[in-house]
Structures are given as C-alpha cells and as structure tokens.
Amino acid sequence: MGIKLDNIFDAFSKNFIFRNKNILQSNYTPETILHRDEQIKQVASILRPALRLEKPSNLFLYGLTGTGKTLVVQYVRNQLLERAEKQKLNLKIEYINCKLKKVGDTEYRILAELLRKFGEDIPFTGLPTGQLYQKFTELIENKTQLFIIILDEIDQAVRRIGDGFLYTLTRINSELKNSQISLIGISNDTKFIDQLDPRIKSSLSEEELIFPPYNALQLKDVLASRSKTAFKEGVIGEGVINKCAAYAALSHGDARRALDLLRVSGELAERRGAKEVTEKDLDEAKEKIEKDRILDLIKTQPKQFHFVLYSILLLEENKKNKIFTGDIYRTYEKLCKNMVIECLTQRRVGDIIAEFDMVGIVNAKVISKGRGGRTREIKLAIPETLIPKVKEILEQSLNI
C-alpha cells in the first residue's frame, strides 16, 4: 500500500508563514532599491543618450555577488524603456545571462540567443557563425534604432569561449549606418577587463562602475523592507532579521544570500508547521544553503577550473606535506597530459586558485620563502561531508 500524503498536503494548505514569497526571490525587482541611489544615478546618466537614440558608452559594472549590479541595471532598463515607449523611440534593450550553459558556452549560442530576442527561430547548432553575424547585422540595420545588450556574468562567457565575440560585437558598429549597438557587461571579477586582449579593450572604450558590498545595517534595511510584504504579520522577529543581516555581512555583504537565507528559513518553519520563523530555522537554513551553494558553484565552472580543483583534491587525499601552488600546477599538468587537454599557463592557474579563494572553495595563505620568493599555501575550505559529492561532480565533468 502506498504512503498516504493527505496530512502533509493538508498541513501545507494552512499558510501561516508567507504572504508573497516571490518578494524574496533574486529575480524580483522592487519598486525602491535601498542604498543604491548613487549607482542608479550613475548608470542612468551614462545611458541617458539612448533617449535621443545616441549610442551610450559601453558600460562595465563590477562587484561581488549580491551587491545589486543586476538589480540596478534592470531598474534603469525598465525606466528607459518606459520613456522610450512614450517618446515612440526604437530603443531595444535585451538581457542575457552568460552563466547559463545553454546560452553562454559558445559564441554561436550567444548570437542565437540575441537573434531569438528579435523573434528569429534559430537552431541550437548547425549554422555557420558568420551567417548568424550577418543575420544579426541585417536585423539591426532594417530600421533606425539603438540596441543595448546587457551581458550578465560576462566573465563566465569569456572564460569558456574567449573574448573574440566581444571584439566582433563592438566592431559591428562600423558596418552599421542606420543603427548602433552598445554593451553593458556585468561581472563579479573586478580584474576581468585587464585579462582582455588589448585590441578589445581599445574597441570597448568602456566606462566602469564598482559596486561596494552592503554592510550589516544596510542589509538589515533591505531585509526589513522585503519581509514586511513577504511574510505575514508577526511571523518574523527583529532578532531573526538582525542575525540574518550579520551572517550575510560576513559573506562579503551579499544581499542575495541574505534574502535566500530569510526565504529558506521561512520554508523550514513552514515544513514543521510553525507559525513563526526562529533563529534556529535561520541557523539550519545557513547550513543548507552553504552546502547547495558550493555544489552549484562547482557545477557551473568551466572544465579548466575543474581540472585545477581536481588536482587540489588529489593532493589533499595524498597529502604528507603542505600544498603549495607549484604542487598544484605539476599535478594539473599531469592530468592535462593524461587527458590530452591543452594546459593553461602557471600564471593563469594561479589566477584560478585566487578565484577559488575569493569564493571560499580554498583558503590561500601567502608564504615567504626568503630568497626563494613567495608562494601560496593552499587548503581546501569545502566541508569534509561534501568532498565525496564534489569529487563525483568533477569526475563526471572530466570523464575520469
């Protein structure tokens, strides 16, 4: 006999916790964005020539995850499109998330996604890339218009496919007579632009904005504002809000993480049939999200990142001494040769290790070797309980 689920479903139908959970989702755009007035004004000032169909400067936004970059751009985008509609301007602003593998893992798929924004039915593979560029140029040129392309997580696409597509997109303007293209790039990597080919940096002639992390008081304001409409009255106490803000402030001021923590805390309270969200729910949510975040982060990294991380895992398994960057590179080189994969330079592998350190996958400590210079001592920061799952993900990715 099957398990009767009526009790579980009936309990869920009695909603004691949430009024509108969507308000805590990362893709929700609030009417008022707290503590980002200056950034909103700067983005709006840079993009306002679009309201005369004049090409704005290419714009690059940098900042750690959850600092409001995408939120601010989407807010200004919506305002611009409203004004353009009233003024009957041919202004098109489209958003692409380059982190999505089915969108940003090849130049072809990025172009196909842009063409779909124009209503074109493009197969996921099969056509020459040059043909897609030609079609894209024709569509833009068929009337006087301005096309602004927002490329979120642009560094992810560049890591996977190189920076050639950026050069081509910026050079298309020289072929256009009726229209123009402008780019907005969003990246968590503040050093991203420095890694581009000098020709591409020159053709971008970008403006840059840095988004600082939120502090604990700012996060408290954000959480308090959202919780008023997300939760039912009296469900969540000030102590939960304060603790949630403090947790997120310690994680580089990540507002997205703070909102996720609050949402998952509510879901856990709801599952146990409670009528309020407690600090214990918050602590459980923190542990759950940390595990999910690490696994999702690793899954979305390109293969070269997987090779470097797998090298660290192998060294950790067999460690007799401390692990340094040179040890990792030698193990990485052997792996690449065994798998017949082209090796990155030692400097690039060092950059990848630094990125692992930034997102909390490893801890990297600079060690002085006297006349031998300096190196970094590396330790995995992944919880031991997750290491078997991480290894499984890497081995599936690398076909090991």
Protein backbone atom coordinates (compact mmCIF):
# COMPACT_ATOMS: atom_id res chain seq x y z
CA MET A 1 0.00 0.00 0.00
CA GLY A 2 1.31 3.47 -0.90
CA ILE A 3 2.04 6.14 1.69
CA LYS A 4 -0.90 8.46 2.38
CA LEU A 5 0.23 12.06 1.82
CA ASP A 6 -3.00 13.87 2.70
CA ASN A 7 -1.70 15.00 6.11
CA ILE A 8 1.42 16.53 4.53
CA PHE A 9 -0.55 18.31 1.81
CA ASP A 10 -3.28 19.48 4.21
CA ALA A 11 -0.69 20.96 6.59
CA PHE A 12 0.88 22.92 3.71
CA SER A 13 -2.50 24.36 2.70
CA LYS A 14 -2.63 26.14 6.09
CA ASN A 15 -0.30 29.00 5.23
CA PHE A 16 0.91 30.60 8.47
CA ILE A 17 4.24 32.00 7.20
CA PHE A 18 4.30 33.62 3.75
CA ARG A 19 2.20 36.37 2.24
CA ASN A 20 4.20 36.64 -1.01
CA LYS A 21 7.37 34.53 -1.15
CA ASN A 22 8.30 35.84 -4.61
CA ILE A 23 9.44 39.08 -2.99
CA LEU A 24 12.42 37.17 -1.52
CA GLN A 25 13.50 35.72 -4.88
CA SER A 26 16.66 37.09 -6.52
CA ASN A 27 14.82 37.86 -9.79
CA TYR A 28 12.31 40.18 -8.06
CA THR A 29 12.79 43.89 -8.84
CA PRO A 30 11.42 46.08 -6.03
CA GLU A 31 9.91 49.50 -6.71
CA THR A 32 12.50 51.04 -4.38
CA ILE A 33 16.13 49.83 -4.33
CA LEU A 34 17.66 50.67 -0.96
CA HIS A 35 21.21 52.02 -0.54
CA ARG A 36 21.97 52.13 -4.27
CA ASP A 37 20.81 55.66 -5.17
CA GLU A 38 24.27 56.78 -6.26
CA GLN A 39 24.79 53.75 -8.53
CA ILE A 40 21.33 54.17 -10.07
CA LYS A 41 22.06 57.83 -10.86
CA GLN A 42 25.44 56.99 -12.40
CA VAL A 43 24.05 54.20 -14.61
CA ALA A 44 21.13 56.41 -15.68
CA SER A 45 23.49 59.31 -16.53
CA ILE A 46 25.70 57.10 -18.68
CA LEU A 47 22.74 55.54 -20.54
CA ARG A 48 20.55 58.63 -20.99
CA PRO A 49 21.86 59.42 -24.53
CA ALA A 50 19.78 56.38 -25.53
CA LEU A 51 16.68 58.60 -25.20
CA ARG A 52 17.95 60.53 -28.23
CA LEU A 53 18.91 57.26 -29.95
CA GLU A 54 22.55 58.24 -29.46
CA LYS A 55 24.93 55.42 -28.61
CA PRO A 56 25.86 55.49 -24.89
CA SER A 57 29.36 54.48 -23.82
CA ASN A 58 29.86 50.76 -23.26
CA LEU A 59 29.45 50.22 -19.54
CA PHE A 60 31.01 47.60 -17.24
CA LEU A 61 29.77 47.03 -13.71
CA TYR A 62 31.92 45.21 -11.16
CA GLY A 63 31.27 43.98 -7.66
CA LEU A 64 30.92 40.82 -5.63
CA THR A 65 27.83 38.64 -5.86
CA GLY A 66 24.71 40.19 -4.34
CA THR A 67 25.85 43.83 -4.42
CA GLY A 68 22.94 44.98 -6.61
CA LYS A 69 24.57 45.20 -10.06
CA THR A 70 21.90 43.32 -12.00
CA LEU A 71 19.11 44.83 -9.91
CA VAL A 72 20.25 48.39 -10.67
CA VAL A 73 20.72 47.73 -14.40
CA GLN A 74 17.28 46.11 -14.71
CA TYR A 75 15.72 49.03 -12.81
CA VAL A 76 17.29 51.64 -15.12
CA ARG A 77 16.47 49.48 -18.15
CA ASN A 78 12.78 49.39 -17.25
CA GLN A 79 12.72 53.17 -16.73
CA LEU A 80 14.43 53.79 -20.07
CA LEU A 81 12.06 51.51 -21.97
CA GLU A 82 9.03 53.22 -20.42
CA ARG A 83 10.32 56.64 -21.54
CA ALA A 84 11.23 55.29 -24.99
CA GLU A 85 7.72 53.90 -25.46
CA LYS A 86 6.16 57.26 -24.56
CA GLN A 87 8.51 59.05 -26.98
CA LYS A 88 7.97 56.34 -29.64
CA LEU A 89 11.69 55.62 -29.91
CA ASN A 90 13.11 52.45 -31.46
CA LEU A 91 15.14 51.51 -28.40
CA LYS A 92 15.75 47.83 -27.70
CA ILE A 93 17.48 46.66 -24.50
CA GLU A 94 17.94 42.91 -24.07
CA TYR A 95 19.37 40.92 -21.16
CA ILE A 96 21.46 37.73 -21.49
CA ASN A 97 22.78 35.69 -18.56
CA CYS A 98 26.11 34.31 -19.79
CA LYS A 99 26.36 31.98 -16.81
CA LEU A 100 23.70 29.71 -18.32
CA LYS A 101 25.48 26.94 -20.21
CA LYS A 102 22.84 26.73 -22.95
CA VAL A 103 23.35 30.43 -23.62
CA GLY A 104 26.94 31.42 -22.85
CA ASP A 105 29.06 28.34 -23.54
CA THR A 106 29.69 29.06 -27.26
CA GLU A 107 29.80 32.13 -29.47
CA TYR A 108 27.11 30.51 -31.64
CA ARG A 109 24.66 30.21 -28.72
CA ILE A 110 25.14 33.82 -27.61
CA LEU A 111 24.38 35.00 -31.14
CA ALA A 112 21.44 32.62 -31.43
CA GLU A 113 20.01 34.00 -28.18
CA LEU A 114 20.37 37.58 -29.47
CA LEU A 115 18.58 36.63 -32.69
CA ARG A 116 15.76 35.00 -30.73
CA LYS A 117 15.27 38.34 -28.96
CA PHE A 118 14.31 39.62 -32.44
CA GLY A 119 11.83 36.76 -32.88
CA GLU A 120 14.06 34.65 -35.12
CA ASP A 121 13.80 30.85 -34.91
CA ILE A 122 17.45 29.77 -34.72
CA PRO A 123 18.52 26.12 -34.20
CA PHE A 124 20.81 25.45 -31.22
CA THR A 125 23.55 24.22 -33.58
CA GLY A 126 24.18 23.71 -37.27
CA LEU A 127 24.62 27.11 -38.92
CA PRO A 128 27.94 28.85 -39.63
CA THR A 129 28.70 31.51 -37.00
CA GLY A 130 29.44 34.02 -39.78
CA GLN A 131 25.91 33.51 -41.11
CA LEU A 132 24.46 34.35 -37.69
CA TYR A 133 26.50 37.57 -37.53
CA GLN A 134 25.26 38.50 -40.99
CA LYS A 135 21.65 37.86 -39.99
CA PHE A 136 22.13 39.81 -36.76
CA THR A 137 23.56 42.80 -38.64
CA GLU A 138 20.69 42.78 -41.13
CA LEU A 139 18.06 42.72 -38.40
CA ILE A 140 19.61 45.67 -36.56
CA GLU A 141 20.06 47.64 -39.77
CA ASN A 142 16.50 47.22 -41.09
CA LYS A 143 15.38 50.40 -39.29
CA THR A 144 16.85 53.30 -37.36
CA GLN A 145 17.27 52.01 -33.82
CA LEU A 146 19.58 51.66 -30.85
CA PHE A 147 20.25 48.20 -29.44
CA ILE A 148 21.72 47.86 -25.93
CA ILE A 149 22.90 44.37 -24.96
CA ILE A 150 23.23 43.52 -21.26
CA LEU A 151 25.68 40.64 -20.75
CA ASP A 152 25.40 39.44 -17.16
CA GLU A 153 28.22 37.26 -15.76
CA ILE A 154 30.20 38.23 -18.87
CA ASP A 155 33.42 36.88 -17.36
CA GLN A 156 31.88 33.37 -17.38
CA ALA A 157 31.42 33.50 -21.16
CA VAL A 158 34.92 34.86 -21.76
CA ARG A 159 36.43 32.03 -19.67
CA ARG A 160 34.56 29.42 -21.69
CA ILE A 161 34.87 30.76 -25.23
CA GLY A 162 37.47 33.55 -25.21
CA ASP A 163 36.95 37.26 -25.82
CA GLY A 164 36.66 37.22 -29.63
CA PHE A 165 32.87 37.59 -29.60
CA LEU A 166 33.20 40.88 -27.69
CA TYR A 167 35.54 42.26 -30.34
CA THR A 168 33.13 41.25 -33.12
CA LEU A 169 30.11 42.79 -31.37
CA THR A 170 31.92 46.10 -30.85
CA ARG A 171 33.21 46.16 -34.44
CA ILE A 172 29.73 45.59 -35.93
CA ASN A 173 29.04 49.30 -35.34
CA SER A 174 31.49 50.17 -38.11
CA GLU A 175 29.25 48.25 -40.57
CA LEU A 176 26.01 49.95 -39.48
CA LYS A 177 24.53 53.11 -41.00
CA ASN A 178 21.02 53.29 -39.52
CA SER A 179 21.61 51.80 -36.09
CA GLN A 180 24.13 51.34 -33.27
CA ILE A 181 24.96 48.74 -30.61
CA SER A 182 26.05 49.44 -27.04
CA LEU A 183 27.18 46.87 -24.47
CA ILE A 184 26.65 46.62 -20.73
CA GLY A 185 28.83 44.00 -19.07
CA ILE A 186 28.24 42.78 -15.51
CA SER A 187 30.96 40.83 -13.70
CA ASN A 188 31.83 39.62 -10.20
CA ASP A 189 35.52 39.71 -11.20
CA THR A 190 37.00 43.21 -10.79
CA LYS A 191 40.09 42.15 -12.76
CA PHE A 192 38.07 40.85 -15.70
CA ILE A 193 38.73 43.77 -18.06
CA ASP A 194 42.51 43.53 -17.51
CA GLN A 195 42.50 39.98 -18.90
CA LEU A 196 41.07 41.00 -22.29
CA ASP A 197 43.09 41.34 -25.48
CA PRO A 198 44.41 44.97 -25.79
CA ARG A 199 42.57 45.40 -29.13
CA ILE A 200 39.27 44.52 -27.44
CA LYS A 201 39.91 46.85 -24.50
CA SER A 202 40.58 49.62 -27.00
CA SER A 203 37.42 48.98 -29.03
CA LEU A 204 35.25 48.76 -25.90
CA SER A 205 36.34 52.21 -24.65
CA GLU A 206 34.29 51.39 -21.60
CA GLU A 207 33.07 53.25 -18.54
CA GLU A 208 33.35 51.33 -15.27
CA LEU A 209 31.40 51.35 -12.02
CA ILE A 210 32.32 49.45 -8.86
CA PHE A 211 29.53 48.28 -6.55
CA PRO A 212 30.64 48.05 -2.90
CA PRO A 213 29.31 45.30 -0.61
CA TYR A 214 26.36 46.09 1.65
CA ASN A 215 27.18 46.48 5.34
CA ALA A 216 25.13 44.83 8.12
CA LEU A 217 22.95 47.92 8.72
CA GLN A 218 22.14 48.26 5.02
CA LEU A 219 21.31 44.56 4.77
CA LYS A 220 19.04 44.90 7.80
CA ASP A 221 17.13 47.68 5.98
CA VAL A 222 16.80 45.54 2.83
CA LEU A 223 15.58 42.51 4.77
CA ALA A 224 13.15 44.51 6.92
CA SER A 225 11.68 46.17 3.84
CA ARG A 226 11.17 42.93 1.93
CA SER A 227 9.94 40.93 4.94
CA LYS A 228 7.01 43.33 5.54
CA THR A 229 5.31 42.15 2.37
CA ALA A 230 6.89 38.69 2.01
CA PHE A 231 5.79 37.37 5.43
CA LYS A 232 2.55 37.51 7.33
CA GLU A 233 2.38 39.95 10.23
CA GLY A 234 4.18 38.87 13.40
CA VAL A 235 5.80 35.82 11.80
CA ILE A 236 9.39 37.04 11.85
CA GLY A 237 11.10 38.81 14.73
CA GLU A 238 13.73 41.56 14.70
CA GLY A 239 16.29 39.14 16.16
CA VAL A 240 15.99 36.91 13.06
CA ILE A 241 16.41 39.92 10.74
CA ASN A 242 19.47 41.17 12.65
CA LYS A 243 21.15 37.76 12.70
CA CYS A 244 20.41 37.16 9.03
CA ALA A 245 21.94 40.54 8.14
CA ALA A 246 25.01 39.75 10.24
CA TYR A 247 25.50 36.37 8.54
CA ALA A 248 25.31 37.95 5.08
CA ALA A 249 27.58 40.88 6.03
CA LEU A 250 30.27 38.35 6.93
CA SER A 251 29.84 36.82 3.45
CA HIS A 252 31.06 39.91 1.55
CA GLY A 253 27.80 41.89 2.05
CA ASP A 254 25.78 39.66 -0.26
CA ALA A 255 22.12 40.82 -0.29
CA ARG A 256 21.11 37.89 -2.47
CA ARG A 257 22.46 35.50 0.14
CA ALA A 258 20.63 37.38 2.88
CA LEU A 259 17.31 37.11 1.04
CA ASP A 260 17.89 33.42 0.31
CA LEU A 261 18.62 32.82 3.99
CA LEU A 262 15.40 34.52 5.02
CA ARG A 263 13.33 32.65 2.42
CA VAL A 264 14.75 29.22 3.27
CA SER A 265 14.29 29.94 7.00
CA GLY A 266 10.61 30.57 6.30
CA GLU A 267 10.34 27.39 4.24
CA LEU A 268 11.88 25.32 7.05
CA ALA A 269 9.46 26.84 9.59
CA GLU A 270 6.59 26.11 7.22
CA ARG A 271 7.64 22.46 6.85
CA ARG A 272 7.49 21.91 10.59
CA GLY A 273 4.05 23.51 10.78
CA ALA A 274 5.23 26.50 12.81
CA LYS A 275 3.59 29.92 12.97
CA GLU A 276 6.82 31.89 13.33
CA VAL A 277 10.38 31.88 12.00
CA THR A 278 13.03 31.39 14.70
CA GLU A 279 16.79 31.85 14.87
CA LYS A 280 17.10 28.05 14.88
CA ASP A 281 15.37 27.99 11.47
CA LEU A 282 17.89 30.59 10.32
CA ASP A 283 20.87 28.51 11.51
CA GLU A 284 19.52 25.42 9.70
CA ALA A 285 18.95 27.46 6.54
CA LYS A 286 22.51 28.77 6.64
CA GLU A 287 23.92 25.23 6.78
CA LYS A 288 21.66 24.02 3.97
CA ILE A 289 22.39 26.95 1.65
CA GLU A 290 26.14 26.70 2.21
CA LYS A 291 26.13 23.10 1.00
CA ASP A 292 23.93 23.85 -2.01
CA ARG A 293 25.93 26.97 -2.92
CA ILE A 294 29.26 25.16 -3.04
CA LEU A 295 27.93 22.34 -5.21
CA ASP A 296 26.13 24.69 -7.61
CA LEU A 297 29.19 26.92 -7.84
CA ILE A 298 31.44 23.99 -8.75
CA LYS A 299 28.97 22.57 -11.29
CA THR A 300 28.85 25.83 -13.25
CA GLN A 301 32.61 26.31 -13.58
CA PRO A 302 34.37 25.58 -16.92
CA LYS A 303 36.43 22.41 -17.40
CA GLN A 304 39.81 24.04 -16.80
CA PHE A 305 38.57 25.10 -13.34
CA HIS A 306 37.50 21.51 -12.76
CA PHE A 307 40.99 20.25 -13.67
CA VAL A 308 42.60 22.65 -11.20
CA LEU A 309 40.16 21.78 -8.40
CA TYR A 310 40.53 18.05 -9.06
CA SER A 311 44.31 18.48 -8.79
CA ILE A 312 43.84 20.05 -5.35
CA LEU A 313 41.55 17.20 -4.29
CA LEU A 314 44.14 14.61 -5.37
CA LEU A 315 46.87 16.38 -3.41
CA GLU A 316 44.62 16.65 -0.34
CA GLU A 317 43.92 12.89 -0.49
CA ASN A 318 47.62 12.04 -0.60
CA LYS A 319 48.96 14.89 1.48
CA LYS A 320 52.00 14.30 3.58
CA ASN A 321 53.21 17.89 3.48
CA LYS A 322 51.61 21.29 2.97
CA ILE A 323 50.22 22.03 -0.50
CA PHE A 324 51.69 24.94 -2.48
CA THR A 325 50.77 26.43 -5.85
CA GLY A 326 53.72 24.72 -7.55
CA ASP A 327 52.48 21.30 -6.37
CA ILE A 328 49.03 22.03 -7.77
CA TYR A 329 50.42 23.11 -11.15
CA ARG A 330 52.56 19.97 -11.51
CA THR A 331 49.58 17.73 -10.71
CA TYR A 332 47.40 19.79 -13.07
CA GLU A 333 49.95 19.41 -15.88
CA LYS A 334 50.00 15.61 -15.48
CA LEU A 335 46.20 15.48 -15.55
CA CYS A 336 46.01 17.58 -18.72
CA LYS A 337 48.63 15.44 -20.48
CA ASN A 338 46.85 12.23 -19.49
CA MET A 339 43.53 13.61 -20.78
CA VAL A 340 45.18 15.18 -23.89
CA ILE A 341 43.97 18.65 -22.89
CA GLU A 342 45.91 21.85 -23.53
CA CYS A 343 47.45 23.22 -20.31
CA LEU A 344 46.96 26.75 -19.12
CA THR A 345 49.98 28.76 -18.03
CA GLN A 346 51.10 28.63 -14.41
CA ARG A 347 50.06 32.26 -14.00
CA ARG A 348 46.52 31.53 -15.22
CA VAL A 349 46.24 28.53 -12.88
CA GLY A 350 47.36 30.86 -10.08
CA ASP A 351 44.53 33.23 -11.04
CA ILE A 352 42.04 30.35 -10.86
CA ILE A 353 43.30 29.41 -7.39
CA ALA A 354 42.85 33.06 -6.36
CA GLU A 355 39.25 32.92 -7.60
CA PHE A 356 38.68 29.72 -5.62
CA ASP A 357 39.97 31.60 -2.58
CA MET A 358 37.64 34.53 -3.26
CA VAL A 359 34.50 32.35 -3.40
CA GLY A 360 35.52 30.21 -0.40
CA ILE A 361 36.41 26.91 -2.08
CA VAL A 362 40.00 27.09 -0.80
CA ASN A 363 41.98 29.15 1.68
CA ALA A 364 45.19 30.56 0.20
CA LYS A 365 47.85 31.96 2.53
CA VAL A 366 50.93 33.77 1.17
CA ILE A 367 54.15 32.22 2.49
CA SER A 368 57.58 33.84 2.30
CA LYS A 369 60.45 31.53 1.33
CA GLY A 370 63.16 34.10 1.94
CA ARG A 371 65.45 34.27 -1.09
CA GLY A 372 63.20 31.73 -2.80
CA GLY A 373 60.47 34.37 -3.09
CA ARG A 374 56.85 33.94 -2.10
CA THR A 375 54.28 31.25 -2.76
CA ARG A 376 50.80 30.38 -1.52
CA GLU A 377 49.88 27.57 0.83
CA ILE A 378 46.53 26.09 -0.21
CA LYS A 379 43.92 24.34 1.93
CA LEU A 380 40.51 23.11 0.84
CA ALA A 381 37.71 25.06 2.52
CA ILE A 382 34.98 22.63 1.43
CA PRO A 383 33.29 20.79 4.33
CA GLU A 384 34.53 17.19 4.57
CA THR A 385 30.99 15.86 4.23
CA LEU A 386 30.74 17.44 0.75
CA ILE A 387 34.09 16.26 -0.64
CA PRO A 388 32.78 12.88 -1.98
CA LYS A 389 29.97 14.70 -3.83
CA VAL A 390 32.39 17.33 -5.18
CA LYS A 391 34.72 14.60 -6.41
CA GLU A 392 31.81 12.85 -8.12
CA ILE A 393 30.82 16.08 -9.90
CA LEU A 394 34.39 16.67 -11.11
CA GLU A 395 34.91 13.09 -12.30
CA GLN A 396 31.66 13.19 -14.28
CA SER A 397 32.65 16.52 -15.84
CA LEU A 398 36.16 15.36 -16.76
CA ASN A 399 35.17 11.78 -17.73
CA ILE A 400 37.69 10.37 -15.28
